[in-house]
């Protein structure tokens, strides 16, 4: 096996950067996405490997988001968030909440 190379994959939708690890293994290329171990592939060329890793990553991310959305809807329907929503409402009405954009802009200069 040759030296493992690192290739960054930018997800333009969420702004995340993922790390593809690739290496030549004999005549073929193998690779995986460091942040998502279930994204692995083997191909004849480096170009095909990278394209397939990126496409597979996006499919996995989409499936994860769909599963998250489904679970959130089930939790809301089951009332699992009712206590949190009630507390947020109370906090808002007593003035404990502030505009998020203002908060972020004020705290961005502190860091």
PDB file of N, CA and C in Angstrom:
ATOM      1  N   UNK A   1       0.839  -1.189   0.000  1.00  0.00           N
ATOM      2  CA  UNK A   1       0.000   0.000   0.000  1.00  0.00           C
ATOM      3  C   UNK A   1       0.878   1.244   0.000  1.00  0.00           C
ATOM      4  N   UNK A   2       0.413   2.255  -0.707  1.00  0.00           N
ATOM      5  CA  UNK A   2       1.117   3.522  -0.749  1.00  0.00           C
ATOM      6  C   UNK A   2       0.714   4.383   0.445  1.00  0.00           C
ATOM      7  N   UNK A   3       1.294   5.538   0.500  1.00  0.00           N
ATOM      8  CA  UNK A   3       1.020   6.509   1.551  1.00  0.00           C
ATOM      9  C   UNK A   3      -0.445   6.971   1.507  1.00  0.00           C
ATOM     10  N   UNK A   4      -1.059   7.111   2.671  1.00  0.00           N
ATOM     11  CA  UNK A   4      -2.443   7.598   2.747  1.00  0.00           C
ATOM     12  C   UNK A   4      -2.459   9.093   2.479  1.00  0.00           C
ATOM     13  N   UNK A   5      -3.326   9.494   1.551  1.00  0.00           N
ATOM     14  CA  UNK A   5      -3.491  10.906   1.211  1.00  0.00           C
ATOM     15  C   UNK A   5      -4.781  11.434   1.841  1.00  0.00           C
ATOM     16  N   UNK A   6      -4.790  12.716   2.121  1.00  0.00           N
ATOM     17  CA  UNK A   6      -5.971  13.368   2.677  1.00  0.00           C
ATOM     18  C   UNK A   6      -6.537  14.330   1.639  1.00  0.00           C
ATOM     19  N   UNK A   7      -7.833  14.233   1.399  1.00  0.00           N
ATOM     20  CA  UNK A   7      -8.522  15.126   0.465  1.00  0.00           C
ATOM     21  C   UNK A   7      -9.725  15.704   1.192  1.00  0.00           C
ATOM     22  N   UNK A   8      -9.868  17.013   1.138  1.00  0.00           N
ATOM     23  CA  UNK A   8     -11.003  17.681   1.787  1.00  0.00           C
ATOM     24  C   UNK A   8     -12.186  17.720   0.828  1.00  0.00           C
ATOM     25  N   UNK A   9     -13.372  17.428   1.366  1.00  0.00           N
ATOM     26  CA  UNK A   9     -14.611  17.501   0.596  1.00  0.00           C
ATOM     27  C   UNK A   9     -15.488  18.556   1.265  1.00  0.00           C
ATOM     28  N   UNK A  10     -15.831  19.590   0.516  1.00  0.00           N
ATOM     29  CA  UNK A  10     -16.639  20.689   1.042  1.00  0.00           C
ATOM     30  C   UNK A  10     -18.102  20.439   0.725  1.00  0.00           C
ATOM     31  N   UNK A  11     -18.929  20.447   1.747  1.00  0.00           N
ATOM     32  CA  UNK A  11     -20.375  20.333   1.560  1.00  0.00           C
ATOM     33  C   UNK A  11     -20.940  21.747   1.495  1.00  0.00           C
ATOM     34  N   UNK A  12     -21.304  22.169   0.297  1.00  0.00           N
ATOM     35  CA  UNK A  12     -21.765  23.543   0.113  1.00  0.00           C
ATOM     36  C   UNK A  12     -23.109  23.810   0.791  1.00  0.00           C
ATOM     37  N   UNK A  13     -23.906  22.779   1.007  1.00  0.00           N
ATOM     38  CA  UNK A  13     -25.212  22.979   1.638  1.00  0.00           C
ATOM     39  C   UNK A  13     -25.098  23.365   3.103  1.00  0.00           C
ATOM     40  N   UNK A  14     -24.263  22.661   3.855  1.00  0.00           N
ATOM     41  CA  UNK A  14     -24.163  22.961   5.284  1.00  0.00           C
ATOM     42  C   UNK A  14     -22.829  23.586   5.686  1.00  0.00           C
ATOM     43  N   UNK A  15     -21.940  23.794   4.715  1.00  0.00           N
ATOM     44  CA  UNK A  15     -20.676  24.450   4.997  1.00  0.00           C
ATOM     45  C   UNK A  15     -19.639  23.580   5.692  1.00  0.00           C
ATOM     46  N   UNK A  16     -19.941  22.334   5.896  1.00  0.00           N
ATOM     47  CA  UNK A  16     -19.004  21.423   6.569  1.00  0.00           C
ATOM     48  C   UNK A  16     -17.890  21.002   5.621  1.00  0.00           C
ATOM     49  N   UNK A  17     -16.770  20.647   6.208  1.00  0.00           N
ATOM     50  CA  UNK A  17     -15.652  20.095   5.453  1.00  0.00           C
ATOM     51  C   UNK A  17     -15.393  18.694   5.984  1.00  0.00           C
ATOM     52  N   UNK A  18     -15.402  17.724   5.092  1.00  0.00           N
ATOM     53  CA  UNK A  18     -15.178  16.322   5.451  1.00  0.00           C
ATOM     54  C   UNK A  18     -13.817  15.881   4.933  1.00  0.00           C
ATOM     55  N   UNK A  19     -13.262  14.868   5.571  1.00  0.00           N
ATOM     56  CA  UNK A  19     -11.925  14.409   5.238  1.00  0.00           C
ATOM     57  C   UNK A  19     -11.980  13.032   4.594  1.00  0.00           C
ATOM     58  N   UNK A  20     -11.573  12.969   3.340  1.00  0.00           N
ATOM     59  CA  UNK A  20     -11.455  11.681   2.650  1.00  0.00           C
ATOM     60  C   UNK A  20     -10.018  11.202   2.817  1.00  0.00           C
ATOM     61  N   UNK A  21      -9.862   9.963   3.226  1.00  0.00           N
ATOM     62  CA  UNK A  21      -8.548   9.329   3.305  1.00  0.00           C
ATOM     63  C   UNK A  21      -8.490   8.332   2.157  1.00  0.00           C
ATOM     64  N   UNK A  22      -7.478   8.468   1.311  1.00  0.00           N
ATOM     65  CA  UNK A  22      -7.379   7.585   0.148  1.00  0.00           C
ATOM     66  C   UNK A  22      -5.963   7.047   0.032  1.00  0.00           C
ATOM     67  N   UNK A  23      -5.867   5.863  -0.553  1.00  0.00           N
ATOM     68  CA  UNK A  23      -4.543   5.298  -0.824  1.00  0.00           C
ATOM     69  C   UNK A  23      -4.647   4.285  -1.951  1.00  0.00           C
ATOM     70  N   UNK A  24      -3.538   4.123  -2.631  1.00  0.00           N
ATOM     71  CA  UNK A  24      -3.478   3.143  -3.701  1.00  0.00           C
ATOM     72  C   UNK A  24      -3.090   1.810  -3.079  1.00  0.00           C
ATOM     73  N   UNK A  25      -3.834   0.780  -3.453  1.00  0.00           N
ATOM     74  CA  UNK A  25      -3.608  -0.562  -2.938  1.00  0.00           C
ATOM     75  C   UNK A  25      -3.419  -1.464  -4.152  1.00  0.00           C
ATOM     76  N   UNK A  26      -2.182  -1.665  -4.538  1.00  0.00           N
ATOM     77  CA  UNK A  26      -1.922  -2.403  -5.773  1.00  0.00           C
ATOM     78  C   UNK A  26      -2.361  -1.575  -6.960  1.00  0.00           C
ATOM     79  N   UNK A  27      -3.261  -2.125  -7.763  1.00  0.00           N
ATOM     80  CA  UNK A  27      -3.761  -1.405  -8.941  1.00  0.00           C
ATOM     81  C   UNK A  27      -5.030  -0.608  -8.640  1.00  0.00           C
ATOM     82  N   UNK A  28      -5.599  -0.811  -7.468  1.00  0.00           N
ATOM     83  CA  UNK A  28      -6.870  -0.151  -7.137  1.00  0.00           C
ATOM     84  C   UNK A  28      -6.666   0.911  -6.068  1.00  0.00           C
ATOM     85  N   UNK A  29      -7.660   1.772  -5.949  1.00  0.00           N
ATOM     86  CA  UNK A  29      -7.674   2.813  -4.938  1.00  0.00           C
ATOM     87  C   UNK A  29      -8.732   2.485  -3.894  1.00  0.00           C
ATOM     88  N   UNK A  30      -8.413   2.703  -2.629  1.00  0.00           N
ATOM     89  CA  UNK A  30      -9.389   2.535  -1.554  1.00  0.00           C
ATOM     90  C   UNK A  30      -9.489   3.854  -0.804  1.00  0.00           C
ATOM     91  N   UNK A  31     -10.661   4.099  -0.245  1.00  0.00           N
ATOM     92  CA  UNK A  31     -10.838   5.348   0.488  1.00  0.00           C
ATOM     93  C   UNK A  31     -12.021   5.291   1.421  1.00  0.00           C
ATOM     94  N   UNK A  32     -12.041   6.245   2.324  1.00  0.00           N
ATOM     95  CA  UNK A  32     -13.107   6.338   3.309  1.00  0.00           C
ATOM     96  C   UNK A  32     -13.214   7.780   3.772  1.00  0.00           C
ATOM     97  N   UNK A  33     -14.360   8.104   4.359  1.00  0.00           N
ATOM     98  CA  UNK A  33     -14.575   9.432   4.923  1.00  0.00           C
ATOM     99  C   UNK A  33     -14.354   9.316   6.426  1.00  0.00           C
ATOM    100  N   UNK A  34     -13.391  10.056   6.899  1.00  0.00           N
ATOM    101  CA  UNK A  34     -12.990   9.957   8.298  1.00  0.00           C
ATOM    102  C   UNK A  34     -14.147  10.219   9.262  1.00  0.00           C
ATOM    103  N   UNK A  35     -14.982  11.209   8.970  1.00  0.00           N
ATOM    104  CA  UNK A  35     -16.073  11.579   9.871  1.00  0.00           C
ATOM    105  C   UNK A  35     -17.278  10.646   9.780  1.00  0.00           C
ATOM    106  N   UNK A  36     -17.340   9.829   8.731  1.00  0.00           N
ATOM    107  CA  UNK A  36     -18.458   8.890   8.548  1.00  0.00           C
ATOM    108  C   UNK A  36     -17.897   7.521   8.160  1.00  0.00           C
ATOM    109  N   UNK A  37     -17.547   6.709   9.143  1.00  0.00           N
ATOM    110  CA  UNK A  37     -16.896   5.426   8.868  1.00  0.00           C
ATOM    111  C   UNK A  37     -17.668   4.494   7.938  1.00  0.00           C
ATOM    112  N   UNK A  38     -18.992   4.676   7.824  1.00  0.00           N
ATOM    113  CA  UNK A  38     -19.736   3.782   6.930  1.00  0.00           C
ATOM    114  C   UNK A  38     -19.565   4.163   5.458  1.00  0.00           C
ATOM    115  N   UNK A  39     -18.909   5.299   5.185  1.00  0.00           N
ATOM    116  CA  UNK A  39     -18.646   5.714   3.804  1.00  0.00           C
ATOM    117  C   UNK A  39     -17.253   5.209   3.417  1.00  0.00           C
ATOM    118  N   UNK A  40     -17.232   4.083   2.703  1.00  0.00           N
ATOM    119  CA  UNK A  40     -15.992   3.458   2.239  1.00  0.00           C
ATOM    120  C   UNK A  40     -16.198   3.018   0.802  1.00  0.00           C
ATOM    121  N   UNK A  41     -15.114   2.990   0.036  1.00  0.00           N
ATOM    122  CA  UNK A  41     -15.254   2.547  -1.347  1.00  0.00           C
ATOM    123  C   UNK A  41     -13.904   2.134  -1.897  1.00  0.00           C
ATOM    124  N   UNK A  42     -13.953   1.370  -2.957  1.00  0.00           N
ATOM    125  CA  UNK A  42     -12.762   0.933  -3.681  1.00  0.00           C
ATOM    126  C   UNK A  42     -13.043   1.113  -5.166  1.00  0.00           C
ATOM    127  N   UNK A  43     -12.047   1.629  -5.906  1.00  0.00           N
ATOM    128  CA  UNK A  43     -12.249   1.885  -7.331  1.00  0.00           C
ATOM    129  C   UNK A  43     -10.951   1.681  -8.098  1.00  0.00           C
ATOM    130  N   UNK A  44     -11.092   1.646  -9.428  1.00  0.00           N
ATOM    131  CA  UNK A  44      -9.927   1.460 -10.294  1.00  0.00           C
ATOM    132  C   UNK A  44      -9.074   2.715 -10.411  1.00  0.00           C
ATOM    133  N   UNK A  45      -9.694   3.893 -10.286  1.00  0.00           N
ATOM    134  CA  UNK A  45      -8.938   5.135 -10.432  1.00  0.00           C
ATOM    135  C   UNK A  45      -9.207   6.056  -9.241  1.00  0.00           C
ATOM    136  N   UNK A  46      -8.282   6.956  -9.028  1.00  0.00           N
ATOM    137  CA  UNK A  46      -8.430   7.928  -7.955  1.00  0.00           C
ATOM    138  C   UNK A  46      -9.636   8.833  -8.207  1.00  0.00           C
ATOM    139  N   UNK A  47      -9.823   9.255  -9.443  1.00  0.00           N
ATOM    140  CA  UNK A  47     -10.932  10.152  -9.780  1.00  0.00           C
ATOM    141  C   UNK A  47     -12.288   9.502  -9.498  1.00  0.00           C
ATOM    142  N   UNK A  48     -12.447   8.251  -9.912  1.00  0.00           N
ATOM    143  CA  UNK A  48     -13.707   7.538  -9.661  1.00  0.00           C
ATOM    144  C   UNK A  48     -13.913   7.341  -8.160  1.00  0.00           C
ATOM    145  N   UNK A  49     -12.843   7.021  -7.460  1.00  0.00           N
ATOM    146  CA  UNK A  49     -12.934   6.840  -6.012  1.00  0.00           C
ATOM    147  C   UNK A  49     -13.431   8.110  -5.339  1.00  0.00           C
ATOM    148  N   UNK A  50     -12.803   9.233  -5.640  1.00  0.00           N
ATOM    149  CA  UNK A  50     -13.199  10.494  -5.004  1.00  0.00           C
ATOM    150  C   UNK A  50     -14.632  10.888  -5.339  1.00  0.00           C
ATOM    151  N   UNK A  51     -15.020  10.715  -6.595  1.00  0.00           N
ATOM    152  CA  UNK A  51     -16.388  11.047  -6.993  1.00  0.00           C
ATOM    153  C   UNK A  51     -17.396  10.159  -6.254  1.00  0.00           C
ATOM    154  N   UNK A  52     -17.084   8.883  -6.171  1.00  0.00           N
ATOM    155  CA  UNK A  52     -17.994   7.951  -5.499  1.00  0.00           C
ATOM    156  C   UNK A  52     -18.050   8.217  -3.999  1.00  0.00           C
ATOM    157  N   UNK A  53     -16.906   8.512  -3.379  1.00  0.00           N
ATOM    158  CA  UNK A  53     -16.907   8.838  -1.948  1.00  0.00           C
ATOM    159  C   UNK A  53     -17.770  10.062  -1.673  1.00  0.00           C
ATOM    160  N   UNK A  54     -17.626  11.088  -2.502  1.00  0.00           N
ATOM    161  CA  UNK A  54     -18.403  12.305  -2.312  1.00  0.00           C
ATOM    162  C   UNK A  54     -19.895  12.034  -2.489  1.00  0.00           C
ATOM    163  N   UNK A  55     -20.266  11.321  -3.541  1.00  0.00           N
ATOM    164  CA  UNK A  55     -21.686  10.998  -3.765  1.00  0.00           C
ATOM    165  C   UNK A  55     -22.248  10.149  -2.637  1.00  0.00           C
ATOM    166  N   UNK A  56     -21.479   9.170  -2.196  1.00  0.00           N
ATOM    167  CA  UNK A  56     -21.938   8.302  -1.104  1.00  0.00           C
ATOM    168  C   UNK A  56     -22.069   9.091   0.189  1.00  0.00           C
ATOM    169  N   UNK A  57     -21.122   9.997   0.434  1.00  0.00           N
ATOM    170  CA  UNK A  57     -21.202  10.847   1.624  1.00  0.00           C
ATOM    171  C   UNK A  57     -22.502  11.641   1.619  1.00  0.00           C
ATOM    172  N   UNK A  58     -22.831  12.266   0.501  1.00  0.00           N
ATOM    173  CA  UNK A  58     -24.053  13.062   0.430  1.00  0.00           C
ATOM    174  C   UNK A  58     -25.303  12.197   0.623  1.00  0.00           C
ATOM    175  N   UNK A  59     -25.285  10.978   0.110  1.00  0.00           N
ATOM    176  CA  UNK A  59     -26.411  10.066   0.325  1.00  0.00           C
ATOM    177  C   UNK A  59     -26.552   9.715   1.807  1.00  0.00           C
ATOM    178  N   UNK A  60     -25.434   9.450   2.463  1.00  0.00           N
ATOM    179  CA  UNK A  60     -25.455   9.122   3.898  1.00  0.00           C
ATOM    180  C   UNK A  60     -25.921  10.326   4.711  1.00  0.00           C
ATOM    181  N   UNK A  61     -25.420  11.509   4.381  1.00  0.00           N
ATOM    182  CA  UNK A  61     -25.846  12.720   5.092  1.00  0.00           C
ATOM    183  C   UNK A  61     -27.339  12.963   4.926  1.00  0.00           C
ATOM    184  N   UNK A  62     -27.837  12.776   3.716  1.00  0.00           N
ATOM    185  CA  UNK A  62     -29.273  12.960   3.468  1.00  0.00           C
ATOM    186  C   UNK A  62     -30.089  11.945   4.257  1.00  0.00           C
ATOM    187  N   UNK A  63     -29.647  10.703   4.272  1.00  0.00           N
ATOM    188  CA  UNK A  63     -30.353   9.667   5.044  1.00  0.00           C
ATOM    189  C   UNK A  63     -30.332   9.994   6.537  1.00  0.00           C
ATOM    190  N   UNK A  64     -29.201  10.483   7.025  1.00  0.00           N
ATOM    191  CA  UNK A  64     -29.108  10.871   8.437  1.00  0.00           C
ATOM    192  C   UNK A  64     -30.080  12.002   8.762  1.00  0.00           C
ATOM    193  N   UNK A  65     -30.144  13.015   7.866  1.00  0.00           N
ATOM    194  CA  UNK A  65     -31.066  14.125   8.089  1.00  0.00           C
ATOM    195  C   UNK A  65     -32.519  13.658   8.063  1.00  0.00           C
ATOM    196  N   UNK A  66     -32.844  12.773   7.131  1.00  0.00           N
ATOM    197  CA  UNK A  66     -34.219  12.260   7.065  1.00  0.00           C
ATOM    198  C   UNK A  66     -34.569  11.485   8.330  1.00  0.00           C
ATOM    199  N   UNK A  67     -33.633  10.693   8.830  1.00  0.00           N
ATOM    200  CA  UNK A  67     -33.866   9.943  10.069  1.00  0.00           C
ATOM    201  C   UNK A  67     -34.032  10.909  11.245  1.00  0.00           C
ATOM    202  N   UNK A  68     -33.209  11.968  11.276  1.00  0.00           N
ATOM    203  CA  UNK A  68     -33.301  12.959  12.343  1.00  0.00           C
ATOM    204  C   UNK A  68     -34.655  13.671  12.287  1.00  0.00           C
ATOM    205  N   UNK A  69     -35.070  14.078  11.093  1.00  0.00           N
ATOM    206  CA  UNK A  69     -36.374  14.738  10.937  1.00  0.00           C
ATOM    207  C   UNK A  69     -37.514  13.837  11.391  1.00  0.00           C
ATOM    208  N   UNK A  70     -37.446  12.581  11.003  1.00  0.00           N
ATOM    209  CA  UNK A  70     -38.492  11.626  11.387  1.00  0.00           C
ATOM    210  C   UNK A  70     -38.538  11.467  12.903  1.00  0.00           C
ATOM    211  N   UNK A  71     -37.373  11.334  13.533  1.00  0.00           N
ATOM    212  CA  UNK A  71     -37.327  11.169  14.986  1.00  0.00           C
ATOM    213  C   UNK A  71     -37.843  12.413  15.693  1.00  0.00           C
ATOM    214  N   UNK A  72     -37.486  13.590  15.191  1.00  0.00           N
ATOM    215  CA  UNK A  72     -37.962  14.831  15.799  1.00  0.00           C
ATOM    216  C   UNK A  72     -39.484  14.923  15.718  1.00  0.00           C
ATOM    217  N   UNK A  73     -40.039  14.600  14.565  1.00  0.00           N
ATOM    218  CA  UNK A  73     -41.501  14.626  14.422  1.00  0.00           C
ATOM    219  C   UNK A  73     -42.172  13.652  15.382  1.00  0.00           C
ATOM    220  N   UNK A  74     -41.585  12.469  15.532  1.00  0.00           N
ATOM    221  CA  UNK A  74     -42.139  11.486  16.467  1.00  0.00           C
ATOM    222  C   UNK A  74     -42.048  11.984  17.911  1.00  0.00           C
ATOM    223  N   UNK A  75     -40.931  12.612  18.251  1.00  0.00           N
ATOM    224  CA  UNK A  75     -40.761  13.130  19.610  1.00  0.00           C
ATOM    225  C   UNK A  75     -41.737  14.263  19.904  1.00  0.00           C
ATOM    226  N   UNK A  76     -41.947  15.143  18.923  1.00  0.00           N
ATOM    227  CA  UNK A  76     -42.911  16.233  19.096  1.00  0.00           C
ATOM    228  C   UNK A  76     -44.310  15.652  19.270  1.00  0.00           C
ATOM    229  N   UNK A  77     -44.662  14.705  18.418  1.00  0.00           N
ATOM    230  CA  UNK A  77     -46.001  14.091  18.484  1.00  0.00           C
ATOM    231  C   UNK A  77     -46.221  13.372  19.824  1.00  0.00           C
ATOM    232  N   UNK A  78     -45.158  12.768  20.357  1.00  0.00           N
ATOM    233  CA  UNK A  78     -45.254  12.044  21.629  1.00  0.00           C
ATOM    234  C   UNK A  78     -45.189  12.975  22.843  1.00  0.00           C
ATOM    235  N   UNK A  79     -44.966  14.266  22.590  1.00  0.00           N
ATOM    236  CA  UNK A  79     -44.934  15.223  23.690  1.00  0.00           C
ATOM    237  C   UNK A  79     -43.603  15.294  24.429  1.00  0.00           C
ATOM    238  N   UNK A  80     -42.570  14.723  23.864  1.00  0.00           N
ATOM    239  CA  UNK A  80     -41.277  14.689  24.550  1.00  0.00           C
ATOM    240  C   UNK A  80     -40.616  16.058  24.660  1.00  0.00           C
ATOM    241  N   UNK A  81     -41.062  17.018  23.868  1.00  0.00           N
ATOM    242  CA  UNK A  81     -40.480  18.358  23.912  1.00  0.00           C
ATOM    243  C   UNK A  81     -41.380  19.372  24.619  1.00  0.00           C
ATOM    244  N   UNK A  82     -42.513  18.923  25.122  1.00  0.00           N
ATOM    245  CA  UNK A  82     -43.474  19.843  25.728  1.00  0.00           C
ATOM    246  C   UNK A  82     -42.889  20.625  26.893  1.00  0.00           C
ATOM    247  N   UNK A  83     -42.143  19.974  27.777  1.00  0.00           N
ATOM    248  CA  UNK A  83     -41.579  20.661  28.947  1.00  0.00           C
ATOM    249  C   UNK A  83     -40.577  21.728  28.516  1.00  0.00           C
ATOM    250  N   UNK A  84     -39.772  21.414  27.520  1.00  0.00           N
ATOM    251  CA  UNK A  84     -38.788  22.384  27.030  1.00  0.00           C
ATOM    252  C   UNK A  84     -39.500  23.578  26.392  1.00  0.00           C
ATOM    253  N   UNK A  85     -40.508  23.307  25.567  1.00  0.00           N
ATOM    254  CA  UNK A  85     -41.252  24.386  24.920  1.00  0.00           C
ATOM    255  C   UNK A  85     -41.945  25.279  25.944  1.00  0.00           C
ATOM    256  N   UNK A  86     -42.470  24.680  26.999  1.00  0.00           N
ATOM    257  CA  UNK A  86     -43.119  25.457  28.051  1.00  0.00           C
ATOM    258  C   UNK A  86     -42.111  26.365  28.742  1.00  0.00           C
ATOM    259  N   UNK A  87     -40.932  25.830  29.047  1.00  0.00           N
ATOM    260  CA  UNK A  87     -39.900  26.640  29.713  1.00  0.00           C
ATOM    261  C   UNK A  87     -39.426  27.779  28.813  1.00  0.00           C
ATOM    262  N   UNK A  88     -39.269  27.503  27.532  1.00  0.00           N
ATOM    263  CA  UNK A  88     -38.864  28.549  26.586  1.00  0.00           C
ATOM    264  C   UNK A  88     -39.919  29.644  26.540  1.00  0.00           C
ATOM    265  N   UNK A  89     -41.176  29.259  26.523  1.00  0.00           N
ATOM    266  CA  UNK A  89     -42.258  30.238  26.491  1.00  0.00           C
ATOM    267  C   UNK A  89     -42.238  31.105  27.750  1.00  0.00           C
ATOM    268  N   UNK A  90     -42.054  30.486  28.902  1.00  0.00           N
ATOM    269  CA  UNK A  90     -41.985  31.235  30.162  1.00  0.00           C
ATOM    270  C   UNK A  90     -40.796  32.194  30.129  1.00  0.00           C
ATOM    271  N   UNK A  91     -39.634  31.697  29.742  1.00  0.00           N
ATOM    272  CA  UNK A  91     -38.432  32.539  29.671  1.00  0.00           C
ATOM    273  C   UNK A  91     -38.636  33.721  28.732  1.00  0.00           C
ATOM    274  N   UNK A  92     -39.263  33.468  27.591  1.00  0.00           N
ATOM    275  CA  UNK A  92     -39.507  34.533  26.617  1.00  0.00           C
ATOM    276  C   UNK A  92     -40.404  35.617  27.210  1.00  0.00           C
ATOM    277  N   UNK A  93     -41.478  35.204  27.879  1.00  0.00           N
ATOM    278  CA  UNK A  93     -42.446  36.163  28.401  1.00  0.00           C
ATOM    279  C   UNK A  93     -41.924  36.960  29.590  1.00  0.00           C
ATOM    280  N   UNK A  94     -40.917  36.451  30.290  1.00  0.00           N
ATOM    281  CA  UNK A  94     -40.345  37.220  31.405  1.00  0.00           C
ATOM    282  C   UNK A  94     -39.094  37.981  30.984  1.00  0.00           C
ATOM    283  N   UNK A  95     -38.801  37.969  29.680  1.00  0.00           N
ATOM    284  CA  UNK A  95     -37.705  38.770  29.160  1.00  0.00           C
ATOM    285  C   UNK A  95     -36.326  38.147  29.254  1.00  0.00           C
ATOM    286  N   UNK A  96     -36.238  36.835  29.417  1.00  0.00           N
ATOM    287  CA  UNK A  96     -34.928  36.176  29.508  1.00  0.00           C
ATOM    288  C   UNK A  96     -34.324  35.886  28.136  1.00  0.00           C
ATOM    289  N   UNK A  97     -35.064  36.156  27.084  1.00  0.00           N
ATOM    290  CA  UNK A  97     -34.578  35.848  25.734  1.00  0.00           C
ATOM    291  C   UNK A  97     -34.172  37.135  25.022  1.00  0.00           C
ATOM    292  N   UNK A  98     -33.227  36.990  24.096  1.00  0.00           N
ATOM    293  CA  UNK A  98     -32.831  38.143  23.302  1.00  0.00           C
ATOM    294  C   UNK A  98     -32.681  37.703  21.847  1.00  0.00           C
ATOM    295  N   UNK A  99     -32.616  38.679  20.971  1.00  0.00           N
ATOM    296  CA  UNK A  99     -32.480  38.412  19.550  1.00  0.00           C
ATOM    297  C   UNK A  99     -31.167  37.676  19.299  1.00  0.00           C
ATOM    298  N   UNK A 100     -31.229  36.532  18.634  1.00  0.00           N
ATOM    299  CA  UNK A 100     -30.049  35.711  18.394  1.00  0.00           C
ATOM    300  C   UNK A 100     -29.008  36.439  17.554  1.00  0.00           C
ATOM    301  N   UNK A 101     -29.443  37.162  16.532  1.00  0.00           N
ATOM    302  CA  UNK A 101     -28.493  37.891  15.678  1.00  0.00           C
ATOM    303  C   UNK A 101     -27.735  38.939  16.489  1.00  0.00           C
ATOM    304  N   UNK A 102     -28.428  39.642  17.383  1.00  0.00           N
ATOM    305  CA  UNK A 102     -27.781  40.650  18.233  1.00  0.00           C
ATOM    306  C   UNK A 102     -26.803  39.965  19.181  1.00  0.00           C
ATOM    307  N   UNK A 103     -27.233  38.888  19.792  1.00  0.00           N
ATOM    308  CA  UNK A 103     -26.378  38.139  20.719  1.00  0.00           C
ATOM    309  C   UNK A 103     -25.098  37.669  20.020  1.00  0.00           C
ATOM    310  N   UNK A 104     -25.250  37.099  18.834  1.00  0.00           N
ATOM    311  CA  UNK A 104     -24.076  36.589  18.105  1.00  0.00           C
ATOM    312  C   UNK A 104     -23.141  37.717  17.707  1.00  0.00           C
ATOM    313  N   UNK A 105     -23.693  38.830  17.252  1.00  0.00           N
ATOM    314  CA  UNK A 105     -22.828  39.943  16.836  1.00  0.00           C
ATOM    315  C   UNK A 105     -22.094  40.543  18.034  1.00  0.00           C
ATOM    316  N   UNK A 106     -22.737  40.602  19.180  1.00  0.00           N
ATOM    317  CA  UNK A 106     -22.090  41.154  20.391  1.00  0.00           C
ATOM    318  C   UNK A 106     -20.985  40.215  20.889  1.00  0.00           C
ATOM    319  N   UNK A 107     -21.220  38.917  20.795  1.00  0.00           N
ATOM    320  CA  UNK A 107     -20.263  37.958  21.319  1.00  0.00           C
ATOM    321  C   UNK A 107     -19.167  37.601  20.322  1.00  0.00           C
ATOM    322  N   UNK A 108     -19.359  37.918  19.064  1.00  0.00           N
ATOM    323  CA  UNK A 108     -18.339  37.629  18.057  1.00  0.00           C
ATOM    324  C   UNK A 108     -17.110  38.476  18.299  1.00  0.00           C
ATOM    325  N   UNK A 109     -17.288  39.675  18.798  1.00  0.00           N
ATOM    326  CA  UNK A 109     -16.144  40.558  19.046  1.00  0.00           C
ATOM    327  C   UNK A 109     -15.390  40.173  20.313  1.00  0.00           C
ATOM    328  N   UNK A 110     -16.011  39.407  21.203  1.00  0.00           N
ATOM    329  CA  UNK A 110     -15.374  38.994  22.452  1.00  0.00           C
ATOM    330  C   UNK A 110     -14.387  37.867  22.263  1.00  0.00           C
ATOM    331  N   UNK A 111     -14.553  37.070  21.197  1.00  0.00           N
ATOM    332  CA  UNK A 111     -13.681  35.903  20.980  1.00  0.00           C
ATOM    333  C   UNK A 111     -12.449  36.236  20.223  1.00  0.00           C
TER     334      UNK A 111
END
